Amino acid sequence: MRKNSFNTTGRKTDAHLLQALHILFTEIQKLKTAVLDSIQTADTNVELRDTAFVKDIVGVSDRTLLRYQKLGLIRVHQRDKGGKKYFKLDDVLRLKRYLNS
């Protein structure tokens, strides 16, 4: 067995690497959030549509629309205080074209 051949400096190095990766991950998440926020503020002239409109235009059920959201085919652009979802009209039309192709 190699129990005795393992040195403690390897453990310290691994711990430092994990710490550095954690710091990098949190910084990337902060940058991602900042970029998404700046994109959303730049979209001041965006036409939004509610879930009922999307289901009607695309021709899907609540469950299917939720599945498309989880797959990343369409993204919720905004939610109101009651939790109602709103989608960009461009994204709705893009999803419709994608499904009809």
C-alpha atoms as a PDB file:
ATOM      1  CA  MET A   1       0.000   0.000   0.000  1.00  0.00           C
ATOM      2  CA  ARG A   2       1.055   3.584  -0.496  1.00  0.00           C
ATOM      3  CA  LYS A   3      -0.237   5.032   2.757  1.00  0.00           C
ATOM      4  CA  ASN A   4       3.198   6.067   3.910  1.00  0.00           C
ATOM      5  CA  SER A   5       4.242   7.571   0.593  1.00  0.00           C
ATOM      6  CA  PHE A   6       1.551  10.316   0.658  1.00  0.00           C
ATOM      7  CA  ASN A   7       2.971  13.611   1.831  1.00  0.00           C
ATOM      8  CA  THR A   8       1.158  16.377   3.717  1.00  0.00           C
ATOM      9  CA  THR A   9       2.228  19.088   1.287  1.00  0.00           C
ATOM     10  CA  GLY A  10      -0.046  17.480  -1.290  1.00  0.00           C
ATOM     11  CA  ARG A  11      -2.984  17.973   1.052  1.00  0.00           C
ATOM     12  CA  LYS A  12      -2.085  21.610   1.586  1.00  0.00           C
ATOM     13  CA  THR A  13      -1.779  22.138  -2.155  1.00  0.00           C
ATOM     14  CA  ASP A  14      -5.167  20.495  -2.744  1.00  0.00           C
ATOM     15  CA  ALA A  15      -6.764  22.683  -0.092  1.00  0.00           C
ATOM     16  CA  HIS A  16      -5.277  25.822  -1.649  1.00  0.00           C
ATOM     17  CA  LEU A  17      -6.457  24.773  -5.095  1.00  0.00           C
ATOM     18  CA  LEU A  18      -9.973  24.139  -3.822  1.00  0.00           C
ATOM     19  CA  GLN A  19     -10.012  27.507  -2.100  1.00  0.00           C
ATOM     20  CA  ALA A  20      -8.821  29.240  -5.272  1.00  0.00           C
ATOM     21  CA  LEU A  21     -11.462  27.432  -7.338  1.00  0.00           C
ATOM     22  CA  HIS A  22     -14.147  28.493  -4.889  1.00  0.00           C
ATOM     23  CA  ILE A  23     -13.045  32.124  -5.106  1.00  0.00           C
ATOM     24  CA  LEU A  24     -12.982  31.940  -8.915  1.00  0.00           C
ATOM     25  CA  PHE A  25     -16.439  30.377  -9.000  1.00  0.00           C
ATOM     26  CA  THR A  26     -17.958  33.094  -6.800  1.00  0.00           C
ATOM     27  CA  GLU A  27     -16.317  35.844  -8.886  1.00  0.00           C
ATOM     28  CA  ILE A  28     -17.632  34.293 -12.099  1.00  0.00           C
ATOM     29  CA  GLN A  29     -21.134  34.157 -10.608  1.00  0.00           C
ATOM     30  CA  LYS A  30     -20.906  37.846  -9.657  1.00  0.00           C
ATOM     31  CA  LEU A  31     -19.773  38.764 -13.186  1.00  0.00           C
ATOM     32  CA  LYS A  32     -22.523  36.674 -14.726  1.00  0.00           C
ATOM     33  CA  THR A  33     -25.142  38.409 -12.581  1.00  0.00           C
ATOM     34  CA  ALA A  34     -23.737  41.843 -13.452  1.00  0.00           C
ATOM     35  CA  VAL A  35     -23.801  41.077 -17.172  1.00  0.00           C
ATOM     36  CA  LEU A  36     -27.370  39.769 -17.037  1.00  0.00           C
ATOM     37  CA  ASP A  37     -28.471  42.849 -15.084  1.00  0.00           C
ATOM     38  CA  SER A  38     -26.880  45.161 -17.634  1.00  0.00           C
ATOM     39  CA  ILE A  39     -28.553  43.287 -20.486  1.00  0.00           C
ATOM     40  CA  GLN A  40     -31.950  43.535 -18.800  1.00  0.00           C
ATOM     41  CA  THR A  41     -31.577  47.278 -18.209  1.00  0.00           C
ATOM     42  CA  ALA A  42     -30.590  47.747 -21.861  1.00  0.00           C
ATOM     43  CA  ASP A  43     -33.856  46.064 -22.918  1.00  0.00           C
ATOM     44  CA  THR A  44     -36.123  49.032 -22.177  1.00  0.00           C
ATOM     45  CA  ASN A  45     -38.097  48.754 -25.432  1.00  0.00           C
ATOM     46  CA  VAL A  46     -38.856  45.049 -25.112  1.00  0.00           C
ATOM     47  CA  GLU A  47     -42.356  43.752 -25.747  1.00  0.00           C
ATOM     48  CA  LEU A  48     -43.324  41.306 -23.005  1.00  0.00           C
ATOM     49  CA  ARG A  49     -46.007  38.645 -23.146  1.00  0.00           C
ATOM     50  CA  ASP A  50     -47.499  36.542 -20.377  1.00  0.00           C
ATOM     51  CA  THR A  51     -47.653  32.757 -20.120  1.00  0.00           C
ATOM     52  CA  ALA A  52     -51.169  32.497 -21.558  1.00  0.00           C
ATOM     53  CA  PHE A  53     -50.065  34.325 -24.712  1.00  0.00           C
ATOM     54  CA  VAL A  54     -47.019  32.089 -25.103  1.00  0.00           C
ATOM     55  CA  LYS A  55     -49.060  28.909 -24.687  1.00  0.00           C
ATOM     56  CA  ASP A  56     -51.608  30.132 -27.220  1.00  0.00           C
ATOM     57  CA  ILE A  57     -49.092  31.258 -29.859  1.00  0.00           C
ATOM     58  CA  VAL A  58     -46.726  28.302 -29.518  1.00  0.00           C
ATOM     59  CA  GLY A  59     -49.516  25.792 -28.909  1.00  0.00           C
ATOM     60  CA  VAL A  60     -48.186  24.081 -25.790  1.00  0.00           C
ATOM     61  CA  SER A  61     -49.412  23.280 -22.292  1.00  0.00           C
ATOM     62  CA  ASP A  62     -48.156  24.704 -18.992  1.00  0.00           C
ATOM     63  CA  ARG A  63     -46.079  21.610 -18.422  1.00  0.00           C
ATOM     64  CA  THR A  64     -44.475  21.686 -21.863  1.00  0.00           C
ATOM     65  CA  LEU A  65     -43.681  25.391 -21.534  1.00  0.00           C
ATOM     66  CA  LEU A  66     -42.008  24.703 -18.189  1.00  0.00           C
ATOM     67  CA  ARG A  67     -39.993  21.893 -19.797  1.00  0.00           C
ATOM     68  CA  TYR A  68     -38.866  24.256 -22.580  1.00  0.00           C
ATOM     69  CA  GLN A  69     -37.756  26.723 -19.897  1.00  0.00           C
ATOM     70  CA  LYS A  70     -35.720  24.039 -18.144  1.00  0.00           C
ATOM     71  CA  LEU A  71     -34.150  23.028 -21.469  1.00  0.00           C
ATOM     72  CA  GLY A  72     -33.215  26.645 -22.128  1.00  0.00           C
ATOM     73  CA  LEU A  73     -35.348  27.009 -25.255  1.00  0.00           C
ATOM     74  CA  ILE A  74     -37.100  30.049 -23.773  1.00  0.00           C
ATOM     75  CA  ARG A  75     -36.228  32.234 -20.806  1.00  0.00           C
ATOM     76  CA  VAL A  76     -38.453  34.112 -18.391  1.00  0.00           C
ATOM     77  CA  HIS A  77     -37.545  37.759 -18.821  1.00  0.00           C
ATOM     78  CA  GLN A  78     -39.428  39.174 -15.868  1.00  0.00           C
ATOM     79  CA  ARG A  79     -41.714  38.192 -12.985  1.00  0.00           C
ATOM     80  CA  ASP A  80     -44.147  40.402 -11.169  1.00  0.00           C
ATOM     81  CA  LYS A  81     -44.711  40.369  -7.415  1.00  0.00           C
ATOM     82  CA  GLY A  82     -47.402  37.718  -7.750  1.00  0.00           C
ATOM     83  CA  GLY A  83     -45.015  35.386  -9.567  1.00  0.00           C
ATOM     84  CA  LYS A  84     -46.580  35.831 -13.010  1.00  0.00           C
ATOM     85  CA  LYS A  85     -44.020  35.178 -15.746  1.00  0.00           C
ATOM     86  CA  TYR A  86     -43.368  37.407 -18.736  1.00  0.00           C
ATOM     87  CA  PHE A  87     -41.427  36.466 -21.851  1.00  0.00           C
ATOM     88  CA  LYS A  88     -39.881  38.566 -24.613  1.00  0.00           C
ATOM     89  CA  LEU A  89     -42.011  38.552 -27.741  1.00  0.00           C
ATOM     90  CA  ASP A  90     -38.872  37.905 -29.825  1.00  0.00           C
ATOM     91  CA  ASP A  91     -38.121  34.782 -27.749  1.00  0.00           C
ATOM     92  CA  VAL A  92     -41.705  33.550 -28.154  1.00  0.00           C
ATOM     93  CA  LEU A  93     -41.577  33.942 -31.922  1.00  0.00           C
ATOM     94  CA  ARG A  94     -38.143  32.311 -32.059  1.00  0.00           C
ATOM     95  CA  LEU A  95     -39.454  29.302 -30.102  1.00  0.00           C
ATOM     96  CA  LYS A  96     -42.457  29.033 -32.432  1.00  0.00           C
ATOM     97  CA  ARG A  97     -40.176  29.063 -35.499  1.00  0.00           C
ATOM     98  CA  TYR A  98     -37.904  26.473 -33.885  1.00  0.00           C
ATOM     99  CA  LEU A  99     -40.789  24.111 -33.117  1.00  0.00           C
ATOM    100  CA  ASN A 100     -42.340  24.510 -36.556  1.00  0.00           C
ATOM    101  CA  SER A 101     -39.130  23.829 -38.466  1.00  0.00           C
END
